[in-house]
Amino acid sequence: MAGDDEPGGAGEEEPNLYKKTLESCRDTLIPNATDAVYDGAGDPGKPIADAINGGGWECTEADSWVTELLSHTSKILPAFDDAKATVSSKIASEPEKVPKGDPHGLAWSRNWAIQRRNI
């Protein structure tokens, strides 16, 4: 039986800081980014489309442009929802503790900084 100080023992674990980063992303980063794009309900392009369509003038080119705009902007908020679901799924698959020396443990801050610098 492994003791706390032996390899594989309870003393050979450290917190999963990668999981904490994912939780911060889900709870803060994604919601803040969503609000920065559009702090309302529905399609973020709708206010623009309504302003163009509600001007009382007829323009088929503007109608086409508004249709194209809405085809793109209607995908924005669902993309944030998908990102949150993807991150939540990854969080669920991560343990609270990892083996000592694991890249997702105490070394995560250094690993993250290296990855960000190389992007």
Protein backbone atom coordinates (compact mmCIF):
# COMPACT_ATOMS: atom_id res chain seq x y z
CA MET A 1 0.00 0.00 0.00
CA ALA A 2 1.41 3.39 -0.95
CA GLY A 3 1.90 5.97 1.79
CA ASP A 4 1.52 9.72 1.53
CA ASP A 5 5.21 10.20 0.80
CA GLU A 6 5.61 7.32 -1.66
CA PRO A 7 5.15 7.72 -5.43
CA GLY A 8 1.47 7.32 -6.21
CA GLY A 9 0.47 8.14 -2.63
CA ALA A 10 -1.98 10.87 -1.61
CA GLY A 11 0.95 13.27 -1.05
CA GLU A 12 1.86 12.98 -4.73
CA GLU A 13 -1.07 15.07 -6.01
CA GLU A 14 -1.50 18.75 -6.66
CA PRO A 15 -4.45 20.95 -7.61
CA ASN A 16 -5.57 20.96 -11.24
CA LEU A 17 -4.95 24.60 -12.15
CA TYR A 18 -5.92 23.93 -15.76
CA LYS A 19 -9.42 23.04 -14.56
CA LYS A 20 -9.51 26.30 -12.57
CA THR A 21 -8.59 28.22 -15.74
CA LEU A 22 -11.41 26.50 -17.64
CA GLU A 23 -13.87 27.35 -14.85
CA SER A 24 -12.81 30.99 -14.98
CA CYS A 25 -13.27 30.95 -18.74
CA ARG A 26 -16.79 29.49 -18.41
CA ASP A 27 -17.86 31.73 -15.52
CA THR A 28 -16.22 35.04 -16.46
CA LEU A 29 -14.47 35.24 -19.82
CA ILE A 30 -17.21 33.84 -22.07
CA PRO A 31 -20.07 35.77 -20.38
CA ASN A 32 -18.05 39.01 -20.47
CA ALA A 33 -17.21 38.49 -24.14
CA THR A 34 -20.86 37.74 -24.89
CA ASP A 35 -21.95 40.95 -23.15
CA ALA A 36 -19.26 42.93 -24.97
CA VAL A 37 -20.66 41.78 -28.29
CA TYR A 38 -24.31 42.26 -27.39
CA ASP A 39 -25.90 42.91 -24.03
CA GLY A 40 -29.46 42.15 -25.08
CA ALA A 41 -31.71 39.40 -26.31
CA GLY A 42 -32.04 37.97 -29.79
CA ASP A 43 -29.92 38.63 -32.83
CA PRO A 44 -27.22 41.31 -32.33
CA GLY A 45 -27.79 42.48 -35.92
CA LYS A 46 -31.51 43.10 -35.42
CA PRO A 47 -31.21 46.72 -34.19
CA ILE A 48 -29.14 47.59 -37.28
CA ALA A 49 -31.54 45.76 -39.58
CA ASP A 50 -34.55 47.45 -37.99
CA ALA A 51 -32.97 50.89 -38.40
CA ILE A 52 -32.28 50.25 -42.07
CA ASN A 53 -35.62 48.60 -42.82
CA GLY A 54 -37.67 51.04 -40.76
CA GLY A 55 -36.48 54.16 -42.57
CA GLY A 56 -39.55 54.30 -44.80
CA TRP A 57 -37.61 54.09 -48.03
CA GLU A 58 -37.38 51.26 -50.55
CA CYS A 59 -34.03 49.87 -51.60
CA THR A 60 -33.65 46.30 -52.81
CA GLU A 61 -29.87 46.45 -52.36
CA ALA A 62 -30.32 47.43 -48.70
CA ASP A 63 -32.83 44.61 -48.27
CA SER A 64 -30.30 42.13 -49.65
CA TRP A 65 -27.58 43.56 -47.43
CA VAL A 66 -29.79 43.30 -44.32
CA THR A 67 -30.67 39.70 -45.16
CA GLU A 68 -26.99 38.84 -45.51
CA LEU A 69 -26.12 40.73 -42.31
CA LEU A 70 -28.73 38.80 -40.31
CA SER A 71 -27.56 35.49 -41.78
CA HIS A 72 -24.16 36.19 -40.21
CA THR A 73 -25.13 37.89 -36.95
CA SER A 74 -27.69 35.21 -36.08
CA LYS A 75 -24.75 32.84 -35.51
CA ILE A 76 -22.92 35.02 -32.96
CA LEU A 77 -24.75 34.28 -29.71
CA PRO A 78 -25.15 30.55 -30.45
CA ALA A 79 -21.37 30.40 -30.97
CA PHE A 80 -20.85 31.74 -27.43
CA ASP A 81 -23.33 29.17 -26.12
CA ASP A 82 -21.42 26.43 -27.97
CA ALA A 83 -18.14 27.68 -26.50
CA LYS A 84 -19.58 27.60 -22.98
CA ALA A 85 -20.91 24.05 -23.54
CA THR A 86 -17.55 22.89 -24.91
CA VAL A 87 -15.66 24.35 -21.95
CA SER A 88 -18.19 22.89 -19.49
CA SER A 89 -17.73 19.47 -21.08
CA LYS A 90 -13.96 19.74 -20.74
CA ILE A 91 -14.31 20.82 -17.10
CA ALA A 92 -16.42 17.74 -16.38
CA SER A 93 -13.68 15.51 -17.80
CA GLU A 94 -10.92 17.05 -15.66
CA PRO A 95 -10.10 15.73 -12.16
CA GLU A 96 -9.81 18.06 -9.15
CA LYS A 97 -6.29 16.80 -8.42
CA VAL A 98 -3.55 15.64 -10.79
CA PRO A 99 -0.34 13.73 -10.17
CA LYS A 100 2.60 15.78 -8.96
CA GLY A 101 4.46 17.25 -11.95
CA ASP A 102 1.46 17.01 -14.31
CA PRO A 103 1.35 19.88 -16.84
CA HIS A 104 -2.21 20.70 -15.64
CA GLY A 105 -1.07 20.99 -12.02
CA LEU A 106 1.17 23.60 -10.45
CA ALA A 107 3.13 23.87 -13.70
CA TRP A 108 0.02 25.07 -15.56
CA SER A 109 0.76 28.80 -15.19
CA ARG A 110 4.18 28.35 -16.77
CA ASN A 111 2.81 26.07 -19.51
CA TRP A 112 0.02 28.55 -20.28
CA ALA A 113 2.46 31.46 -20.51
CA ILE A 114 4.69 29.50 -22.90
CA GLN A 115 1.73 28.54 -25.09
CA ARG A 116 0.45 32.13 -25.22
CA ARG A 117 3.90 33.43 -26.16
CA ASN A 118 4.21 30.91 -29.00
CA ILE A 119 0.84 31.73 -30.56
